[in-house]
């Protein structure tokens, strides 16, 4: 399993060093770097990583404040990376998985990665979606879903052969779908990454996503970073 990681540190050299070391670790993909606490909270909410390498002292929000701002039930694995050992007890009280002192070396980082990989996943994602149809309940495997579009108070779920209406919001569905398989590309659209056949650059930083079967969807520049983290970049 590939671990999707975020590196959060206000020191550029520290970020660069950690990213370089993580680049030598098989099965680790750094999907974002953050220089302050507010950006870290935003990235965790939007990208839903598996692990965050988190500095404790950062501008705006420190590492502990970042954790306090997030939904505790869906926190990724947290590995604190800091120059100070004085916060270790509090870090583990906050359910941190590991605590590393700077400068981090390759061997210590490898042990931390192994610890993260041994952790059982905190979250499970939908394998099928139940929708009502003509007085019956139909079950759609998420592997069959090619995209989901907002439709007023409903979500329109598209498969290769049909579409179904579900009374739910895209924002709520997004939290239930595996971020390794599904990505938000527009405020009104989620796509199955495996169903994307082509990506065409468009004007103003936008792009056109072409799905299996030829359906075309807009990739908004607002969601470019999120799409790139899922392997969709033009």
C-alpha atoms as a PDB file:
ATOM      1  CA  UNK A   1       0.000   0.000   0.000  1.00  0.00           C
ATOM      2  CA  UNK A   2       1.304   3.444  -0.927  1.00  0.00           C
ATOM      3  CA  UNK A   3       1.259   5.915   1.950  1.00  0.00           C
ATOM      4  CA  UNK A   4       0.059   9.379   0.941  1.00  0.00           C
ATOM      5  CA  UNK A   5       2.060  11.839   3.041  1.00  0.00           C
ATOM      6  CA  UNK A   6       2.001  15.557   3.835  1.00  0.00           C
ATOM      7  CA  UNK A   7       5.112  17.373   5.091  1.00  0.00           C
ATOM      8  CA  UNK A   8       4.332  20.402   7.277  1.00  0.00           C
ATOM      9  CA  UNK A   9       7.207  22.618   8.454  1.00  0.00           C
ATOM     10  CA  UNK A  10       7.845  26.352   8.267  1.00  0.00           C
ATOM     11  CA  UNK A  11      11.548  25.826   7.520  1.00  0.00           C
ATOM     12  CA  UNK A  12      12.223  25.317   3.769  1.00  0.00           C
ATOM     13  CA  UNK A  13      15.442  23.377   4.380  1.00  0.00           C
ATOM     14  CA  UNK A  14      13.729  21.046   6.842  1.00  0.00           C
ATOM     15  CA  UNK A  15      10.908  20.390   4.360  1.00  0.00           C
ATOM     16  CA  UNK A  16      13.366  19.749   1.562  1.00  0.00           C
ATOM     17  CA  UNK A  17      15.422  17.350   3.673  1.00  0.00           C
ATOM     18  CA  UNK A  18      12.395  15.367   4.806  1.00  0.00           C
ATOM     19  CA  UNK A  19      10.965  15.229   1.296  1.00  0.00           C
ATOM     20  CA  UNK A  20      14.292  13.965  -0.052  1.00  0.00           C
ATOM     21  CA  UNK A  21      14.482  11.237   2.586  1.00  0.00           C
ATOM     22  CA  UNK A  22      10.870  10.246   2.001  1.00  0.00           C
ATOM     23  CA  UNK A  23      11.614  10.044  -1.711  1.00  0.00           C
ATOM     24  CA  UNK A  24      14.010   7.200  -0.935  1.00  0.00           C
ATOM     25  CA  UNK A  25      11.303   5.261   0.907  1.00  0.00           C
ATOM     26  CA  UNK A  26       9.436   2.824  -1.347  1.00  0.00           C
ATOM     27  CA  UNK A  27       5.689   3.038  -0.990  1.00  0.00           C
ATOM     28  CA  UNK A  28       5.588   6.682   0.177  1.00  0.00           C
ATOM     29  CA  UNK A  29       4.148   9.492  -1.968  1.00  0.00           C
ATOM     30  CA  UNK A  30       4.480  13.085  -0.712  1.00  0.00           C
ATOM     31  CA  UNK A  31       1.283  14.727  -1.960  1.00  0.00           C
ATOM     32  CA  UNK A  32       1.757  18.192  -0.410  1.00  0.00           C
ATOM     33  CA  UNK A  33       4.129  20.458   1.510  1.00  0.00           C
ATOM     34  CA  UNK A  34       2.826  23.100   3.917  1.00  0.00           C
ATOM     35  CA  UNK A  35       4.681  26.029   5.471  1.00  0.00           C
ATOM     36  CA  UNK A  36       2.174  26.988   8.189  1.00  0.00           C
ATOM     37  CA  UNK A  37      -0.579  25.530  10.328  1.00  0.00           C
ATOM     38  CA  UNK A  38      -3.537  27.003   8.457  1.00  0.00           C
ATOM     39  CA  UNK A  39      -2.318  25.555   5.153  1.00  0.00           C
ATOM     40  CA  UNK A  40      -1.768  22.214   6.873  1.00  0.00           C
ATOM     41  CA  UNK A  41      -5.347  22.048   8.159  1.00  0.00           C
ATOM     42  CA  UNK A  42      -6.650  22.890   4.680  1.00  0.00           C
ATOM     43  CA  UNK A  43      -4.444  20.277   2.994  1.00  0.00           C
ATOM     44  CA  UNK A  44      -5.414  17.521   5.443  1.00  0.00           C
ATOM     45  CA  UNK A  45      -9.121  18.252   4.993  1.00  0.00           C
ATOM     46  CA  UNK A  46      -8.906  18.362   1.214  1.00  0.00           C
ATOM     47  CA  UNK A  47      -6.319  15.670   0.431  1.00  0.00           C
ATOM     48  CA  UNK A  48      -7.025  13.214   3.279  1.00  0.00           C
ATOM     49  CA  UNK A  49      -3.480  11.818   3.586  1.00  0.00           C
ATOM     50  CA  UNK A  50      -2.486   8.618   5.347  1.00  0.00           C
ATOM     51  CA  UNK A  51       0.261  10.279   7.373  1.00  0.00           C
ATOM     52  CA  UNK A  52       1.369  13.832   8.243  1.00  0.00           C
ATOM     53  CA  UNK A  53       4.923  14.704   9.252  1.00  0.00           C
ATOM     54  CA  UNK A  54       4.109  17.689  11.419  1.00  0.00           C
ATOM     55  CA  UNK A  55       6.323  20.347  12.953  1.00  0.00           C
ATOM     56  CA  UNK A  56       5.189  21.602  16.366  1.00  0.00           C
ATOM     57  CA  UNK A  57       6.174  25.263  16.143  1.00  0.00           C
ATOM     58  CA  UNK A  58       4.767  26.916  13.002  1.00  0.00           C
ATOM     59  CA  UNK A  59       3.220  30.317  12.173  1.00  0.00           C
ATOM     60  CA  UNK A  60      -0.502  30.916  12.751  1.00  0.00           C
ATOM     61  CA  UNK A  61      -1.203  27.432  14.115  1.00  0.00           C
ATOM     62  CA  UNK A  62       1.313  25.138  15.745  1.00  0.00           C
ATOM     63  CA  UNK A  63       1.205  21.378  15.416  1.00  0.00           C
ATOM     64  CA  UNK A  64      -1.059  20.843  18.418  1.00  0.00           C
ATOM     65  CA  UNK A  65      -3.439  23.567  17.219  1.00  0.00           C
ATOM     66  CA  UNK A  66      -3.585  21.848  13.821  1.00  0.00           C
ATOM     67  CA  UNK A  67      -4.768  18.646  15.503  1.00  0.00           C
ATOM     68  CA  UNK A  68      -7.360  20.541  17.555  1.00  0.00           C
ATOM     69  CA  UNK A  69      -8.822  22.056  14.378  1.00  0.00           C
ATOM     70  CA  UNK A  70      -9.422  18.657  12.738  1.00  0.00           C
ATOM     71  CA  UNK A  71     -12.056  15.970  13.124  1.00  0.00           C
ATOM     72  CA  UNK A  72     -10.492  13.609  15.652  1.00  0.00           C
ATOM     73  CA  UNK A  73     -12.403  10.616  14.308  1.00  0.00           C
ATOM     74  CA  UNK A  74     -10.736  10.878  10.902  1.00  0.00           C
ATOM     75  CA  UNK A  75      -7.213  12.013  11.741  1.00  0.00           C
ATOM     76  CA  UNK A  76      -4.413  10.525   9.642  1.00  0.00           C
ATOM     77  CA  UNK A  77      -1.363   9.058  11.356  1.00  0.00           C
ATOM     78  CA  UNK A  78       0.586  11.928  12.945  1.00  0.00           C
ATOM     79  CA  UNK A  79       4.375  11.904  13.186  1.00  0.00           C
ATOM     80  CA  UNK A  80       5.732  14.982  14.946  1.00  0.00           C
ATOM     81  CA  UNK A  81       9.071  16.260  13.655  1.00  0.00           C
ATOM     82  CA  UNK A  82      10.610  18.928  15.868  1.00  0.00           C
ATOM     83  CA  UNK A  83      13.840  20.381  17.175  1.00  0.00           C
ATOM     84  CA  UNK A  84      12.660  20.084  20.794  1.00  0.00           C
ATOM     85  CA  UNK A  85      12.169  17.032  22.998  1.00  0.00           C
ATOM     86  CA  UNK A  86      10.097  18.915  25.609  1.00  0.00           C
ATOM     87  CA  UNK A  87       6.789  18.232  23.829  1.00  0.00           C
ATOM     88  CA  UNK A  88       7.090  14.455  23.587  1.00  0.00           C
ATOM     89  CA  UNK A  89       4.739  13.588  26.472  1.00  0.00           C
ATOM     90  CA  UNK A  90       2.011  15.888  25.187  1.00  0.00           C
ATOM     91  CA  UNK A  91       2.501  14.570  21.654  1.00  0.00           C
ATOM     92  CA  UNK A  92       1.742  11.003  22.686  1.00  0.00           C
ATOM     93  CA  UNK A  93      -1.134  12.216  24.849  1.00  0.00           C
ATOM     94  CA  UNK A  94      -2.506  13.677  21.609  1.00  0.00           C
ATOM     95  CA  UNK A  95      -2.292  10.206  20.039  1.00  0.00           C
ATOM     96  CA  UNK A  96       0.753  10.910  17.881  1.00  0.00           C
ATOM     97  CA  UNK A  97       2.126   7.759  16.322  1.00  0.00           C
ATOM     98  CA  UNK A  98       5.755   8.873  16.508  1.00  0.00           C
ATOM     99  CA  UNK A  99       7.984  11.770  17.587  1.00  0.00           C
ATOM    100  CA  UNK A 100      11.236  12.500  15.747  1.00  0.00           C
ATOM    101  CA  UNK A 101      13.900  15.052  16.546  1.00  0.00           C
ATOM    102  CA  UNK A 102      15.590  17.171  13.881  1.00  0.00           C
ATOM    103  CA  UNK A 103      17.758  16.627  12.002  1.00  0.00           C
ATOM    104  CA  UNK A 104      16.019  13.409  10.983  1.00  0.00           C
ATOM    105  CA  UNK A 105      18.240  10.696   9.541  1.00  0.00           C
ATOM    106  CA  UNK A 106      17.265   8.028   7.022  1.00  0.00           C
ATOM    107  CA  UNK A 107      17.346   5.100   9.467  1.00  0.00           C
ATOM    108  CA  UNK A 108      15.126   6.828  12.038  1.00  0.00           C
ATOM    109  CA  UNK A 109      12.674   7.891   9.339  1.00  0.00           C
ATOM    110  CA  UNK A 110      12.523   4.339   7.972  1.00  0.00           C
ATOM    111  CA  UNK A 111      11.567   3.017  11.416  1.00  0.00           C
ATOM    112  CA  UNK A 112       8.840   5.625  11.637  1.00  0.00           C
ATOM    113  CA  UNK A 113       7.464   4.644   8.217  1.00  0.00           C
ATOM    114  CA  UNK A 114       7.400   1.003   9.293  1.00  0.00           C
ATOM    115  CA  UNK A 115       5.427   2.000  12.381  1.00  0.00           C
ATOM    116  CA  UNK A 116       2.886   3.837  10.247  1.00  0.00           C
ATOM    117  CA  UNK A 117       2.565   0.876   7.891  1.00  0.00           C
ATOM    118  CA  UNK A 118       1.864  -1.478  10.804  1.00  0.00           C
ATOM    119  CA  UNK A 119      -1.028   0.668  11.976  1.00  0.00           C
ATOM    120  CA  UNK A 120      -4.458  -0.665  11.072  1.00  0.00           C
ATOM    121  CA  UNK A 121      -6.433   1.819   8.963  1.00  0.00           C
ATOM    122  CA  UNK A 122      -8.617   4.134  11.042  1.00  0.00           C
ATOM    123  CA  UNK A 123     -11.211   4.497   8.346  1.00  0.00           C
ATOM    124  CA  UNK A 124     -13.072   2.258   5.954  1.00  0.00           C
ATOM    125  CA  UNK A 125     -14.599   3.529   2.743  1.00  0.00           C
ATOM    126  CA  UNK A 126     -17.733   2.641   0.848  1.00  0.00           C
ATOM    127  CA  UNK A 127     -17.528  -0.443  -1.329  1.00  0.00           C
ATOM    128  CA  UNK A 128     -21.074   0.006  -2.584  1.00  0.00           C
ATOM    129  CA  UNK A 129     -23.733   2.712  -2.578  1.00  0.00           C
ATOM    130  CA  UNK A 130     -27.395   2.024  -1.839  1.00  0.00           C
ATOM    131  CA  UNK A 131     -29.903   3.978  -3.958  1.00  0.00           C
ATOM    132  CA  UNK A 132     -33.702   3.806  -4.048  1.00  0.00           C
ATOM    133  CA  UNK A 133     -35.211   3.030  -7.424  1.00  0.00           C
ATOM    134  CA  UNK A 134     -38.919   2.452  -8.089  1.00  0.00           C
ATOM    135  CA  UNK A 135     -39.635   1.322  -4.571  1.00  0.00           C
ATOM    136  CA  UNK A 136     -36.583  -0.923  -4.406  1.00  0.00           C
ATOM    137  CA  UNK A 137     -33.064  -0.448  -3.124  1.00  0.00           C
ATOM    138  CA  UNK A 138     -30.292  -1.008  -5.643  1.00  0.00           C
ATOM    139  CA  UNK A 139     -26.653  -1.507  -4.622  1.00  0.00           C
ATOM    140  CA  UNK A 140     -23.990  -0.005  -6.869  1.00  0.00           C
ATOM    141  CA  UNK A 141     -20.394  -1.146  -6.441  1.00  0.00           C
ATOM    142  CA  UNK A 142     -18.132   1.895  -6.124  1.00  0.00           C
ATOM    143  CA  UNK A 143     -15.767   0.204  -8.589  1.00  0.00           C
ATOM    144  CA  UNK A 144     -18.539   0.598 -11.207  1.00  0.00           C
ATOM    145  CA  UNK A 145     -18.973   4.329 -10.586  1.00  0.00           C
ATOM    146  CA  UNK A 146     -17.250   6.518 -13.169  1.00  0.00           C
ATOM    147  CA  UNK A 147     -18.310   9.892 -11.778  1.00  0.00           C
ATOM    148  CA  UNK A 148     -20.755  11.634  -9.441  1.00  0.00           C
ATOM    149  CA  UNK A 149     -22.334  15.002 -10.197  1.00  0.00           C
ATOM    150  CA  UNK A 150     -24.302  17.379  -7.999  1.00  0.00           C
ATOM    151  CA  UNK A 151     -27.987  17.656  -8.909  1.00  0.00           C
ATOM    152  CA  UNK A 152     -29.682  20.062  -6.521  1.00  0.00           C
ATOM    153  CA  UNK A 153     -30.301  18.228  -3.247  1.00  0.00           C
ATOM    154  CA  UNK A 154     -29.235  14.973  -4.912  1.00  0.00           C
ATOM    155  CA  UNK A 155     -26.097  13.377  -6.301  1.00  0.00           C
ATOM    156  CA  UNK A 156     -26.266  11.799  -9.760  1.00  0.00           C
ATOM    157  CA  UNK A 157     -24.166   8.634  -9.789  1.00  0.00           C
ATOM    158  CA  UNK A 158     -22.970   7.568 -13.231  1.00  0.00           C
ATOM    159  CA  UNK A 159     -21.874   4.078 -14.210  1.00  0.00           C
ATOM    160  CA  UNK A 160     -20.939   2.970 -17.728  1.00  0.00           C
ATOM    161  CA  UNK A 161     -24.510   1.817 -18.375  1.00  0.00           C
ATOM    162  CA  UNK A 162     -26.831   3.997 -16.278  1.00  0.00           C
ATOM    163  CA  UNK A 163     -27.179   6.820 -13.785  1.00  0.00           C
ATOM    164  CA  UNK A 164     -28.898   6.885 -10.396  1.00  0.00           C
ATOM    165  CA  UNK A 165     -30.089   9.682  -8.117  1.00  0.00           C
ATOM    166  CA  UNK A 166     -29.075   9.584  -4.465  1.00  0.00           C
ATOM    167  CA  UNK A 167     -30.367  12.017  -1.848  1.00  0.00           C
ATOM    168  CA  UNK A 168     -26.990  13.095  -0.497  1.00  0.00           C
ATOM    169  CA  UNK A 169     -24.470  15.888  -0.944  1.00  0.00           C
ATOM    170  CA  UNK A 170     -21.189  15.636  -2.814  1.00  0.00           C
ATOM    171  CA  UNK A 171     -19.340  16.898   0.260  1.00  0.00           C
ATOM    172  CA  UNK A 172     -20.730  14.073   2.382  1.00  0.00           C
ATOM    173  CA  UNK A 173     -20.098  11.422  -0.275  1.00  0.00           C
ATOM    174  CA  UNK A 174     -16.529  12.621  -0.703  1.00  0.00           C
ATOM    175  CA  UNK A 175     -15.746  11.790   2.936  1.00  0.00           C
ATOM    176  CA  UNK A 176     -17.043   8.235   2.427  1.00  0.00           C
ATOM    177  CA  UNK A 177     -15.122   7.426  -0.760  1.00  0.00           C
ATOM    178  CA  UNK A 178     -11.544   6.177  -0.916  1.00  0.00           C
ATOM    179  CA  UNK A 179      -9.379   9.211  -1.849  1.00  0.00           C
ATOM    180  CA  UNK A 180      -6.980   6.890  -3.673  1.00  0.00           C
ATOM    181  CA  UNK A 181      -9.802   6.012  -6.085  1.00  0.00           C
ATOM    182  CA  UNK A 182     -12.052   9.082  -6.160  1.00  0.00           C
ATOM    183  CA  UNK A 183     -11.145  12.752  -6.434  1.00  0.00           C
ATOM    184  CA  UNK A 184     -13.107  16.014  -6.498  1.00  0.00           C
ATOM    185  CA  UNK A 185     -12.328  17.877  -9.732  1.00  0.00           C
ATOM    186  CA  UNK A 186     -14.984  20.577  -9.492  1.00  0.00           C
ATOM    187  CA  UNK A 187     -17.344  21.872  -6.819  1.00  0.00           C
ATOM    188  CA  UNK A 188     -20.053  19.814  -8.547  1.00  0.00           C
ATOM    189  CA  UNK A 189     -18.093  16.730  -9.681  1.00  0.00           C
ATOM    190  CA  UNK A 190     -16.239  13.715  -8.270  1.00  0.00           C
ATOM    191  CA  UNK A 191     -14.549  11.250 -10.638  1.00  0.00           C
ATOM    192  CA  UNK A 192     -13.238   7.718 -10.370  1.00  0.00           C
ATOM    193  CA  UNK A 193      -9.538   8.145 -11.181  1.00  0.00           C
ATOM    194  CA  UNK A 194      -9.480   4.752 -12.873  1.00  0.00           C
ATOM    195  CA  UNK A 195     -12.171   5.889 -15.331  1.00  0.00           C
ATOM    196  CA  UNK A 196     -10.143   8.866 -16.605  1.00  0.00           C
ATOM    197  CA  UNK A 197      -8.822   8.246 -20.115  1.00  0.00           C
ATOM    198  CA  UNK A 198      -7.499  11.670 -21.084  1.00  0.00           C
ATOM    199  CA  UNK A 199      -6.743  15.098 -19.673  1.00  0.00           C
ATOM    200  CA  UNK A 200      -6.689  18.161 -21.917  1.00  0.00           C
ATOM    201  CA  UNK A 201      -5.406  21.565 -20.756  1.00  0.00           C
ATOM    202  CA  UNK A 202      -7.905  24.385 -21.139  1.00  0.00           C
ATOM    203  CA  UNK A 203      -7.856  28.157 -20.728  1.00  0.00           C
ATOM    204  CA  UNK A 204      -7.326  29.935 -17.432  1.00  0.00           C
ATOM    205  CA  UNK A 205      -5.688  26.991 -15.662  1.00  0.00           C
ATOM    206  CA  UNK A 206      -8.706  24.720 -16.094  1.00  0.00           C
ATOM    207  CA  UNK A 207      -8.654  21.376 -17.908  1.00  0.00           C
ATOM    208  CA  UNK A 208     -11.027  18.901 -19.536  1.00  0.00           C
ATOM    209  CA  UNK A 209     -11.266  15.397 -18.080  1.00  0.00           C
ATOM    210  CA  UNK A 210     -12.379  12.737 -20.566  1.00  0.00           C
ATOM    211  CA  UNK A 211     -13.776   9.547 -19.066  1.00  0.00           C
ATOM    212  CA  UNK A 212     -14.125   6.051 -20.448  1.00  0.00           C
ATOM    213  CA  UNK A 213     -17.055   6.224 -22.835  1.00  0.00           C
ATOM    214  CA  UNK A 214     -16.242   9.791 -23.880  1.00  0.00           C
ATOM    215  CA  UNK A 215     -17.984  11.852 -21.186  1.00  0.00           C
ATOM    216  CA  UNK A 216     -16.210  15.199 -20.748  1.00  0.00           C
ATOM    217  CA  UNK A 217     -16.015  17.059 -17.434  1.00  0.00           C
ATOM    218  CA  UNK A 218     -14.387  20.290 -16.293  1.00  0.00           C
ATOM    219  CA  UNK A 219     -11.398  20.169 -13.967  1.00  0.00           C
ATOM    220  CA  UNK A 220     -11.476  23.485 -12.120  1.00  0.00           C
ATOM    221  CA  UNK A 221      -8.161  25.112 -11.279  1.00  0.00           C
ATOM    222  CA  UNK A 222      -9.425  25.312  -7.677  1.00  0.00           C
ATOM    223  CA  UNK A 223      -9.134  21.528  -7.526  1.00  0.00           C
ATOM    224  CA  UNK A 224      -5.942  21.119  -9.583  1.00  0.00           C
ATOM    225  CA  UNK A 225      -3.761  20.379  -6.551  1.00  0.00           C
ATOM    226  CA  UNK A 226      -6.185  17.761  -5.302  1.00  0.00           C
ATOM    227  CA  UNK A 227      -6.392  16.158  -8.751  1.00  0.00           C
ATOM    228  CA  UNK A 228      -2.614  16.183  -9.169  1.00  0.00           C
ATOM    229  CA  UNK A 229      -2.219  14.385  -5.836  1.00  0.00           C
ATOM    230  CA  UNK A 230      -4.460  11.651  -7.257  1.00  0.00           C
ATOM    231  CA  UNK A 231      -2.284  11.361 -10.366  1.00  0.00           C
ATOM    232  CA  UNK A 232      -4.286  13.666 -12.655  1.00  0.00           C
ATOM    233  CA  UNK A 233      -2.132  16.475 -13.983  1.00  0.00           C
ATOM    234  CA  UNK A 234      -2.122  18.187 -17.351  1.00  0.00           C
END
